[in-house]
């Protein structure tokens, strides 16, 4: 089409004859003009097929769930717990006669107890011989338990090894556990108020024990968490939570 309308073509035809000019001009008048070039628009992608659309929406929804759902914290306890308030009453005053019946008001220490565990009634003999003040156990395995002992007349803690040996003198189970232990770890820690706690972890072939010892109110408090090895392996997170929950009143 460009050749038909070039000036050189028109001028050369006109110089040949007038009839040729007339024919060319008439033909040019009848030919339609070329439309102006349109701007090049980007082609739209074809709409996704229903199958691909379903897969895409499913993947998007799954990604949204993964990004918006808060994963469970490993530090969170796997069970619900109740708080036990211990009074550390002497054997002579055991039973609460003449005392305040509200343990929370007269509590000297606290620790958590898992839901479903049972309280063992501590006898006056146990309280008088080894100072046991409270005890709870797993009814499915009674040797999985926690308990607290206290001794009066202690103003401060002795060295760590001496404290552990003295505790074992009145606890046959602890003696056997130490004697057969694969390892005995101990360290000292302080709470936010500066109260000192001795922490012991005894790993035996048949059982595991966590012990926390502190001294306040002119008394020595020892909190024990014991479990046979299978139960320790299964319930370690819960048992460690019990161990860390022990505090004396005034330190929290």
Protein backbone atom coordinates (compact mmCIF):
# COMPACT_ATOMS: atom_id res chain seq x y z
CA UNK A 1 0.00 0.00 0.00
CA UNK A 2 2.90 2.33 0.71
CA UNK A 3 4.12 1.85 -2.87
CA UNK A 4 0.77 2.94 -4.33
CA UNK A 5 0.80 6.26 -2.45
CA UNK A 6 4.45 7.17 -2.69
CA UNK A 7 5.04 10.53 -4.49
CA UNK A 8 7.40 8.97 -7.01
CA UNK A 9 4.77 6.51 -8.20
CA UNK A 10 2.13 9.20 -8.68
CA UNK A 11 4.48 11.57 -10.52
CA UNK A 12 5.72 8.87 -12.89
CA UNK A 13 2.20 7.79 -13.82
CA UNK A 14 1.10 11.38 -14.49
CA UNK A 15 3.95 11.97 -16.91
CA UNK A 16 2.94 8.92 -19.01
CA UNK A 17 -0.62 9.91 -19.99
CA UNK A 18 -3.68 11.68 -18.65
CA UNK A 19 -5.81 8.55 -18.92
CA UNK A 20 -3.47 6.63 -16.66
CA UNK A 21 -3.60 9.49 -14.16
CA UNK A 22 -7.35 9.41 -14.14
CA UNK A 23 -7.47 5.68 -13.62
CA UNK A 24 -4.89 5.76 -10.80
CA UNK A 25 -6.64 8.67 -9.05
CA UNK A 26 -9.99 6.95 -9.24
CA UNK A 27 -8.55 3.75 -7.89
CA UNK A 28 -6.92 5.63 -5.08
CA UNK A 29 -10.18 7.28 -4.21
CA UNK A 30 -12.00 3.96 -3.95
CA UNK A 31 -9.40 2.16 -1.79
CA UNK A 32 -10.08 2.36 1.98
CA UNK A 33 -7.59 4.13 4.16
CA UNK A 34 -5.44 1.96 6.44
CA UNK A 35 -6.54 2.25 10.07
CA UNK A 36 -4.11 4.03 12.36
CA UNK A 37 -1.91 1.64 14.34
CA UNK A 38 -3.29 0.77 17.72
CA UNK A 39 -1.14 0.85 20.83
CA UNK A 40 0.18 -2.58 21.78
CA UNK A 41 -1.74 -3.65 24.88
CA UNK A 42 -0.38 -6.54 27.05
CA UNK A 43 -2.33 -9.70 26.57
CA UNK A 44 -4.28 -10.85 29.65
CA UNK A 45 -3.47 -14.38 30.87
CA UNK A 46 -6.30 -16.83 30.39
CA UNK A 47 -8.46 -17.38 33.48
CA UNK A 48 -7.35 -20.36 35.56
CA UNK A 49 -9.23 -23.55 35.11
CA UNK A 50 -11.57 -24.57 37.99
CA UNK A 51 -9.14 -27.31 39.02
CA UNK A 52 -6.13 -24.99 39.20
CA UNK A 53 -8.20 -22.35 41.00
CA UNK A 54 -9.25 -24.87 43.65
CA UNK A 55 -5.66 -25.98 44.21
CA UNK A 56 -4.50 -22.37 44.47
CA UNK A 57 -7.20 -21.41 46.98
CA UNK A 58 -6.51 -24.53 49.07
CA UNK A 59 -2.77 -23.77 49.19
CA UNK A 60 -3.46 -20.14 50.11
CA UNK A 61 -5.81 -21.14 52.92
CA UNK A 62 -3.29 -23.65 54.26
CA UNK A 63 -0.54 -21.03 54.24
CA UNK A 64 -2.82 -18.57 56.04
CA UNK A 65 -3.53 -21.12 58.78
CA UNK A 66 0.17 -21.83 59.23
CA UNK A 67 1.03 -18.15 59.53
CA UNK A 68 -1.84 -17.12 61.80
CA UNK A 69 -2.02 -20.10 64.17
CA UNK A 70 0.24 -19.68 67.20
CA UNK A 71 2.26 -22.85 67.77
CA UNK A 72 2.03 -24.35 71.27
CA UNK A 73 4.81 -23.23 73.59
CA UNK A 74 7.09 -26.00 74.79
CA UNK A 75 7.39 -24.13 78.16
CA UNK A 76 3.64 -24.42 78.76
CA UNK A 77 2.62 -27.25 81.17
CA UNK A 78 0.72 -30.09 79.45
CA UNK A 79 -1.76 -30.46 82.33
CA UNK A 80 -3.82 -28.24 84.58
CA UNK A 81 -2.58 -27.74 88.11
CA UNK A 82 -3.88 -26.67 91.47
CA UNK A 83 -1.84 -24.80 94.07
CA UNK A 84 -1.16 -26.52 97.37
CA UNK A 85 -0.68 -24.26 100.40
CA UNK A 86 1.53 -25.88 103.05
CA UNK A 87 1.56 -24.77 106.67
CA UNK A 88 4.64 -26.67 107.90
CA UNK A 89 2.93 -27.42 111.19
CA UNK A 90 4.88 -29.27 113.86
CA UNK A 91 3.92 -32.80 114.90
CA UNK A 92 2.47 -31.44 118.16
CA UNK A 93 0.15 -29.09 116.25
CA UNK A 94 -0.61 -31.54 113.43
CA UNK A 95 -4.30 -31.67 112.55
CA UNK A 96 -4.98 -27.95 112.80
CA UNK A 97 -6.44 -27.95 116.32
CA UNK A 98 -6.62 -24.42 117.62
CA UNK A 99 -5.23 -23.05 114.34
CA UNK A 100 -6.55 -21.22 111.35
CA UNK A 101 -8.53 -23.60 109.14
CA UNK A 102 -7.74 -21.49 106.05
CA UNK A 103 -4.42 -22.92 104.82
CA UNK A 104 -3.90 -20.12 102.33
CA UNK A 105 -3.81 -17.53 105.11
CA UNK A 106 -1.34 -19.52 107.22
CA UNK A 107 0.72 -21.05 104.39
CA UNK A 108 4.50 -21.06 104.63
CA UNK A 109 5.13 -22.58 101.18
CA UNK A 110 3.32 -23.46 97.94
CA UNK A 111 3.75 -25.85 95.04
CA UNK A 112 1.66 -27.07 92.12
CA UNK A 113 -0.15 -30.41 92.02
CA UNK A 114 -1.24 -32.03 88.73
CA UNK A 115 -4.89 -32.64 88.12
CA UNK A 116 -5.82 -36.19 89.10
CA UNK A 117 -3.05 -36.70 91.67
CA UNK A 118 -4.10 -37.79 95.15
CA UNK A 119 -3.03 -36.43 98.52
CA UNK A 120 -1.51 -38.87 100.96
CA UNK A 121 -2.43 -38.38 104.58
CA UNK A 122 0.82 -37.80 106.46
CA UNK A 123 0.91 -39.47 109.86
CA UNK A 124 2.29 -37.91 113.01
CA UNK A 125 5.03 -40.53 112.98
CA UNK A 126 6.21 -39.49 109.50
CA UNK A 127 6.02 -35.84 110.46
CA UNK A 128 7.96 -36.47 113.67
CA UNK A 129 10.70 -38.68 112.19
CA UNK A 130 11.61 -37.12 108.84
CA UNK A 131 9.58 -33.90 108.92
CA UNK A 132 7.23 -34.81 106.06
CA UNK A 133 4.57 -32.10 105.88
CA UNK A 134 2.69 -32.92 102.66
CA UNK A 135 2.68 -35.50 99.88
CA UNK A 136 0.85 -36.11 96.58
CA UNK A 137 1.14 -39.05 94.19
CA UNK A 138 -0.01 -40.29 90.82
CA UNK A 139 -2.71 -42.93 91.49
CA UNK A 140 -1.64 -44.78 88.34
CA UNK A 141 1.91 -45.12 89.69
CA UNK A 142 2.25 -44.28 93.38
CA UNK A 143 6.03 -44.03 93.23
CA UNK A 144 5.62 -41.00 90.96
CA UNK A 145 5.11 -38.33 93.59
CA UNK A 146 6.08 -35.03 95.16
CA UNK A 147 6.39 -34.22 98.83
CA UNK A 148 7.86 -31.66 101.19
CA UNK A 149 9.83 -32.05 104.39
CA UNK A 150 10.93 -29.35 106.80
CA UNK A 151 13.22 -29.11 109.80
CA UNK A 152 13.11 -26.34 112.37
CA UNK A 153 16.09 -24.53 113.84
CA UNK A 154 18.00 -23.69 110.62
CA UNK A 155 18.87 -20.08 109.99
CA UNK A 156 20.94 -20.64 106.87
CA UNK A 157 21.96 -23.35 104.45
CA UNK A 158 25.08 -25.43 104.99
CA UNK A 159 27.30 -26.36 102.00
CA UNK A 160 25.44 -28.22 99.27
CA UNK A 161 26.94 -31.68 99.81
CA UNK A 162 26.31 -31.57 103.55
CA UNK A 163 22.66 -30.57 103.04
CA UNK A 164 22.04 -33.49 100.67
CA UNK A 165 23.72 -35.99 103.01
CA UNK A 166 21.67 -34.74 105.96
CA UNK A 167 18.45 -35.12 103.98
CA UNK A 168 19.38 -38.69 103.11
CA UNK A 169 19.90 -39.61 106.77
CA UNK A 170 16.13 -39.58 107.36
CA UNK A 171 15.05 -40.77 103.89
CA UNK A 172 15.92 -44.38 103.03
CA UNK A 173 14.66 -44.02 99.48
CA UNK A 174 16.95 -41.03 98.92
CA UNK A 175 19.90 -42.99 100.34
CA UNK A 176 19.31 -45.82 97.87
CA UNK A 177 18.83 -43.43 94.98
CA UNK A 178 22.12 -41.61 95.68
CA UNK A 179 23.98 -44.91 96.13
CA UNK A 180 22.87 -46.22 92.72
CA UNK A 181 22.90 -42.91 90.87
CA UNK A 182 24.53 -42.51 87.49
CA UNK A 183 24.95 -38.81 88.21
CA UNK A 184 24.20 -36.25 90.90
CA UNK A 185 24.06 -32.59 89.85
CA UNK A 186 23.71 -29.64 92.18
CA UNK A 187 23.76 -25.87 91.88
CA UNK A 188 22.63 -22.74 93.69
CA UNK A 189 20.11 -20.23 92.42
CA UNK A 190 18.40 -17.10 93.73
CA UNK A 191 14.87 -15.91 93.15
CA UNK A 192 13.93 -12.34 92.26
CA UNK A 193 14.03 -11.38 95.94
CA UNK A 194 17.46 -12.87 96.55
CA UNK A 195 16.38 -16.00 98.44
CA UNK A 196 18.85 -18.85 97.94
CA UNK A 197 17.74 -22.30 96.74
CA UNK A 198 19.88 -25.41 96.39
CA UNK A 199 18.82 -27.54 93.41
CA UNK A 200 19.71 -31.22 93.10
CA UNK A 201 19.05 -33.60 90.21
CA UNK A 202 19.73 -37.28 90.82
CA UNK A 203 19.68 -39.55 87.80
CA UNK A 204 19.55 -43.21 88.83
CA UNK A 205 19.24 -46.39 86.83
CA UNK A 206 15.72 -47.04 88.10
CA UNK A 207 14.46 -43.60 89.16
CA UNK A 208 14.95 -39.85 88.84
CA UNK A 209 14.68 -37.18 91.53
CA UNK A 210 14.54 -33.38 91.59
CA UNK A 211 15.09 -31.65 94.94
CA UNK A 212 14.81 -27.99 95.87
CA UNK A 213 16.03 -26.83 99.28
CA UNK A 214 15.81 -23.40 100.89
CA UNK A 215 15.99 -21.87 104.34
CA UNK A 216 13.71 -19.17 105.76
CA UNK A 217 11.61 -18.48 108.86
CA UNK A 218 14.23 -20.37 110.87
CA UNK A 219 13.28 -23.54 108.98
CA UNK A 220 14.80 -25.68 106.24
CA UNK A 221 12.32 -26.69 103.51
CA UNK A 222 13.04 -29.51 101.02
CA UNK A 223 10.71 -30.20 98.11
CA UNK A 224 11.08 -33.57 96.33
CA UNK A 225 9.79 -34.75 92.94
CA UNK A 226 10.44 -38.45 92.35
CA UNK A 227 9.56 -40.81 89.50
CA UNK A 228 10.64 -44.20 88.16
CA UNK A 229 12.61 -43.96 84.92
CA UNK A 230 9.69 -44.87 82.56
CA UNK A 231 7.42 -42.28 84.18
CA UNK A 232 10.23 -39.72 84.18
CA UNK A 233 10.75 -40.24 80.46
CA UNK A 234 7.03 -39.87 79.81
CA UNK A 235 6.25 -36.98 82.20
CA UNK A 236 9.52 -35.05 82.39
CA UNK A 237 7.98 -31.70 81.42
CA UNK A 238 5.25 -32.02 84.06
CA UNK A 239 7.66 -33.17 86.76
CA UNK A 240 10.04 -30.31 86.08
CA UNK A 241 7.11 -27.91 86.29
CA UNK A 242 6.27 -29.28 89.75
CA UNK A 243 9.88 -28.88 90.82
CA UNK A 244 10.06 -25.26 89.66
CA UNK A 245 6.70 -24.35 91.22
CA UNK A 246 7.93 -24.72 94.80
CA UNK A 247 8.34 -21.40 96.65
CA UNK A 248 8.20 -20.29 100.24
CA UNK A 249 5.70 -17.63 101.23
CA UNK A 250 7.33 -14.22 101.09
CA UNK A 251 9.52 -15.12 98.12
CA UNK A 252 6.81 -14.51 95.49
